[in-house]
N, C-alpha and C. Protein backbone atom coordinates (compact mmCIF):
# COMPACT_ATOMS: atom_id res chain seq x y z
N MET A 1 -156.72 9.63 -111.40
CA MET A 1 -155.14 9.40 -111.27
C MET A 1 -155.11 8.94 -109.80
N ALA A 2 -153.98 8.15 -109.40
CA ALA A 2 -153.93 7.62 -108.32
C ALA A 2 -152.34 7.61 -107.91
N ILE A 3 -152.11 8.06 -106.85
CA ILE A 3 -150.68 8.35 -106.41
C ILE A 3 -150.15 7.19 -105.32
N SER A 4 -148.93 6.72 -105.63
CA SER A 4 -148.35 5.64 -104.88
C SER A 4 -147.12 6.15 -104.50
N TYR A 5 -146.99 5.66 -103.22
CA TYR A 5 -145.53 5.81 -102.38
C TYR A 5 -144.81 4.59 -102.15
N ASN A 6 -145.22 3.66 -102.93
CA ASN A 6 -144.45 2.30 -102.73
C ASN A 6 -142.78 2.46 -102.79
N SER A 7 -142.78 3.27 -103.92
CA SER A 7 -141.41 3.38 -103.98
C SER A 7 -140.61 4.02 -102.73
N LEU A 8 -141.06 4.76 -102.18
CA LEU A 8 -140.54 5.51 -100.92
C LEU A 8 -140.44 4.61 -100.06
N TRP A 9 -141.48 3.63 -99.72
CA TRP A 9 -141.11 2.82 -98.64
C TRP A 9 -140.01 1.54 -99.22
N LYS A 10 -139.91 1.46 -100.15
CA LYS A 10 -138.64 0.75 -100.89
C LYS A 10 -137.34 1.44 -100.41
N GLN A 11 -137.51 2.47 -100.72
CA GLN A 11 -136.13 3.30 -100.48
C GLN A 11 -135.70 3.28 -99.03
N LEU A 12 -136.79 3.55 -98.23
CA LEU A 12 -136.36 3.32 -96.85
C LEU A 12 -135.82 2.12 -96.29
N ILE A 13 -136.32 0.99 -96.80
CA ILE A 13 -135.86 -0.33 -96.55
C ILE A 13 -134.35 -0.39 -97.15
N ASP A 14 -134.11 0.01 -98.25
CA ASP A 14 -132.82 -0.12 -98.77
C ASP A 14 -131.83 0.75 -98.07
N LYS A 15 -132.25 1.70 -97.42
CA LYS A 15 -131.32 2.32 -96.66
C LYS A 15 -131.44 2.23 -95.24
N ASN A 16 -132.11 1.14 -94.79
CA ASN A 16 -132.11 0.87 -93.55
C ASN A 16 -132.68 2.02 -92.52
N MET A 17 -133.76 2.72 -92.90
CA MET A 17 -134.44 3.87 -92.34
C MET A 17 -135.73 3.56 -92.04
N THR A 18 -136.03 3.93 -90.69
CA THR A 18 -137.50 3.86 -90.21
C THR A 18 -138.40 5.11 -90.82
N LYS A 19 -139.49 4.88 -90.89
CA LYS A 19 -140.50 6.16 -91.10
C LYS A 19 -140.12 7.29 -89.93
N THR A 20 -140.20 6.93 -88.77
CA THR A 20 -139.76 7.82 -87.70
C THR A 20 -138.49 8.56 -87.94
N ASN A 21 -137.50 7.65 -88.37
CA ASN A 21 -136.17 8.49 -88.80
C ASN A 21 -136.52 9.37 -89.79
N LEU A 22 -137.09 8.95 -90.97
CA LEU A 22 -137.53 9.93 -91.85
C LEU A 22 -138.11 11.28 -91.64
N ARG A 23 -139.19 11.09 -90.87
CA ARG A 23 -139.77 11.99 -90.17
C ARG A 23 -139.22 13.09 -89.69
N LEU A 24 -138.40 12.86 -88.86
CA LEU A 24 -137.49 13.56 -87.88
C LEU A 24 -136.37 14.33 -88.74
N LYS A 25 -135.70 13.61 -89.76
CA LYS A 25 -134.63 14.20 -90.63
C LYS A 25 -135.15 14.84 -91.56
N ALA A 26 -136.58 14.88 -92.22
CA ALA A 26 -137.14 15.73 -93.21
C ALA A 26 -138.21 16.78 -92.56
N ASP A 27 -138.06 16.70 -91.32
CA ASP A 27 -138.99 17.87 -90.53
C ASP A 27 -140.63 17.59 -90.95
N LEU A 28 -141.02 16.26 -90.88
CA LEU A 28 -142.27 16.19 -91.24
C LEU A 28 -143.32 16.14 -90.17
N GLY A 29 -144.49 16.44 -90.12
CA GLY A 29 -145.27 16.02 -89.39
C GLY A 29 -145.94 14.76 -89.22
N THR A 30 -146.57 14.28 -88.28
CA THR A 30 -147.04 12.87 -88.18
C THR A 30 -148.49 12.83 -89.09
N ALA A 31 -149.00 14.04 -89.35
CA ALA A 31 -150.24 13.98 -90.04
C ALA A 31 -149.90 13.94 -91.51
N THR A 32 -148.57 14.48 -91.96
CA THR A 32 -148.14 14.15 -93.34
C THR A 32 -147.61 12.82 -93.59
N LEU A 33 -146.79 12.34 -92.50
CA LEU A 33 -146.20 10.80 -92.62
C LEU A 33 -147.71 9.96 -92.82
N ALA A 34 -148.86 10.36 -92.16
CA ALA A 34 -149.82 9.59 -92.10
C ALA A 34 -150.38 9.56 -93.67
N LYS A 35 -150.69 10.81 -94.15
CA LYS A 35 -150.94 11.09 -95.85
C LYS A 35 -150.20 10.13 -96.57
N LEU A 36 -148.92 10.28 -96.28
CA LEU A 36 -148.03 9.39 -97.41
C LEU A 36 -148.46 7.76 -96.96
N GLY A 37 -148.81 7.51 -96.06
CA GLY A 37 -149.13 6.06 -95.85
C GLY A 37 -150.20 5.76 -96.52
N LYS A 38 -151.18 6.56 -96.71
CA LYS A 38 -152.46 6.35 -97.28
C LYS A 38 -152.43 6.59 -98.65
N ASN A 39 -151.34 7.05 -99.25
CA ASN A 39 -151.22 7.36 -100.88
C ASN A 39 -152.06 8.58 -100.89
N GLN A 40 -151.92 9.66 -100.13
CA GLN A 40 -152.54 11.03 -100.34
C GLN A 40 -151.52 11.74 -100.94
N GLN A 41 -152.34 13.12 -101.60
CA GLN A 41 -151.32 13.98 -102.05
C GLN A 41 -150.61 14.91 -100.76
N VAL A 42 -149.53 15.37 -100.81
CA VAL A 42 -148.73 16.29 -100.08
C VAL A 42 -148.18 17.15 -101.08
N SER A 43 -147.45 17.97 -100.45
CA SER A 43 -146.79 19.16 -101.13
C SER A 43 -145.77 18.88 -101.72
N LEU A 44 -145.23 19.51 -102.73
CA LEU A 44 -143.99 19.49 -103.31
C LEU A 44 -142.97 19.76 -102.68
N ASP A 45 -143.08 20.83 -101.69
CA ASP A 45 -142.10 20.88 -100.41
C ASP A 45 -141.81 19.64 -99.68
N VAL A 46 -142.80 19.01 -99.30
CA VAL A 46 -142.66 17.84 -98.54
C VAL A 46 -141.69 16.73 -99.41
N LEU A 47 -142.07 16.54 -100.55
CA LEU A 47 -141.32 15.62 -101.36
C LEU A 47 -140.10 16.02 -101.68
N LEU A 48 -139.50 17.36 -101.91
CA LEU A 48 -138.36 17.70 -102.06
C LEU A 48 -137.26 17.57 -100.74
N ARG A 49 -138.03 17.75 -99.73
CA ARG A 49 -137.32 17.30 -98.47
C ARG A 49 -136.97 15.91 -97.96
N ILE A 50 -137.99 15.33 -98.59
CA ILE A 50 -137.73 13.78 -98.63
C ILE A 50 -136.46 13.25 -99.53
N CYS A 51 -136.57 13.76 -100.62
CA CYS A 51 -135.63 13.65 -101.73
C CYS A 51 -134.24 14.06 -101.08
N LYS A 52 -134.11 14.91 -100.46
CA LYS A 52 -132.72 15.50 -99.81
C LYS A 52 -132.16 14.74 -98.77
N VAL A 53 -133.32 14.15 -97.98
CA VAL A 53 -132.72 13.23 -97.04
C VAL A 53 -132.35 11.84 -97.63
N LEU A 54 -133.18 11.33 -98.41
CA LEU A 54 -132.88 10.21 -99.14
C LEU A 54 -131.64 10.28 -100.26
N GLU A 55 -131.48 11.17 -100.63
CA GLU A 55 -130.51 11.70 -101.90
C GLU A 55 -131.08 10.88 -103.00
N CYS A 56 -132.27 11.22 -103.49
CA CYS A 56 -132.60 10.50 -104.76
C CYS A 56 -133.66 11.52 -105.49
N ASP A 57 -134.30 11.25 -106.55
CA ASP A 57 -134.98 12.08 -107.21
C ASP A 57 -136.45 11.67 -107.02
N ILE A 58 -137.40 12.73 -107.26
CA ILE A 58 -138.86 12.60 -106.96
C ILE A 58 -139.43 11.39 -107.63
N ALA A 59 -139.08 11.04 -108.67
CA ALA A 59 -139.35 9.66 -109.49
C ALA A 59 -139.01 8.59 -108.63
N ASP A 60 -137.79 8.73 -107.66
CA ASP A 60 -137.68 7.44 -107.08
C ASP A 60 -138.56 7.22 -105.70
N ILE A 61 -139.56 8.32 -105.48
CA ILE A 61 -140.20 8.08 -104.20
C ILE A 61 -141.82 8.04 -104.78
N ILE A 62 -142.12 8.50 -105.91
CA ILE A 62 -143.75 8.62 -106.05
C ILE A 62 -143.79 7.86 -107.59
N CYS A 63 -145.18 7.28 -107.56
CA CYS A 63 -145.36 6.93 -108.80
C CYS A 63 -146.99 7.70 -109.03
N VAL A 64 -147.42 8.16 -110.31
CA VAL A 64 -148.42 8.59 -110.59
C VAL A 64 -149.26 7.45 -111.89
N GLU A 65 -150.38 7.05 -111.06
CA GLU A 65 -150.88 5.82 -112.03
C GLU A 65 -152.24 6.55 -112.69
N ASN A 66 -152.48 6.50 -113.99
CA ASN A 66 -153.52 6.98 -114.62
C ASN A 66 -154.63 5.90 -114.72
N LYS A 67 -155.72 5.86 -114.11
CA LYS A 67 -156.66 4.89 -113.86
C LYS A 67 -157.89 5.47 -114.38
N GLU A 68 -158.41 4.97 -115.63
CA GLU A 68 -159.58 5.51 -116.40
C GLU A 68 -160.77 4.93 -115.63
N SER A 69 -161.97 5.62 -115.30
CA SER A 69 -162.98 4.72 -114.91
C SER A 69 -163.65 4.20 -116.22
N GLU A 70 -164.23 2.95 -115.83
CA GLU A 70 -164.69 2.09 -116.81
C GLU A 70 -166.32 2.29 -117.13
């Protein structure tokens, strides 16, 4: 399975917010923001803080793709 945060970046664009603004408002570390940029797993707490800042649901910022090996 692969995680994608492309929807998160689209939300930021729609709300005219930078990654730095999100990091500060959601109290995220730079390492966490880097993980998001690399589509790596982060804690549920982090996702909930982002949702609170963006006033959205988790499904609006993350997509889990089921990729089967061939």
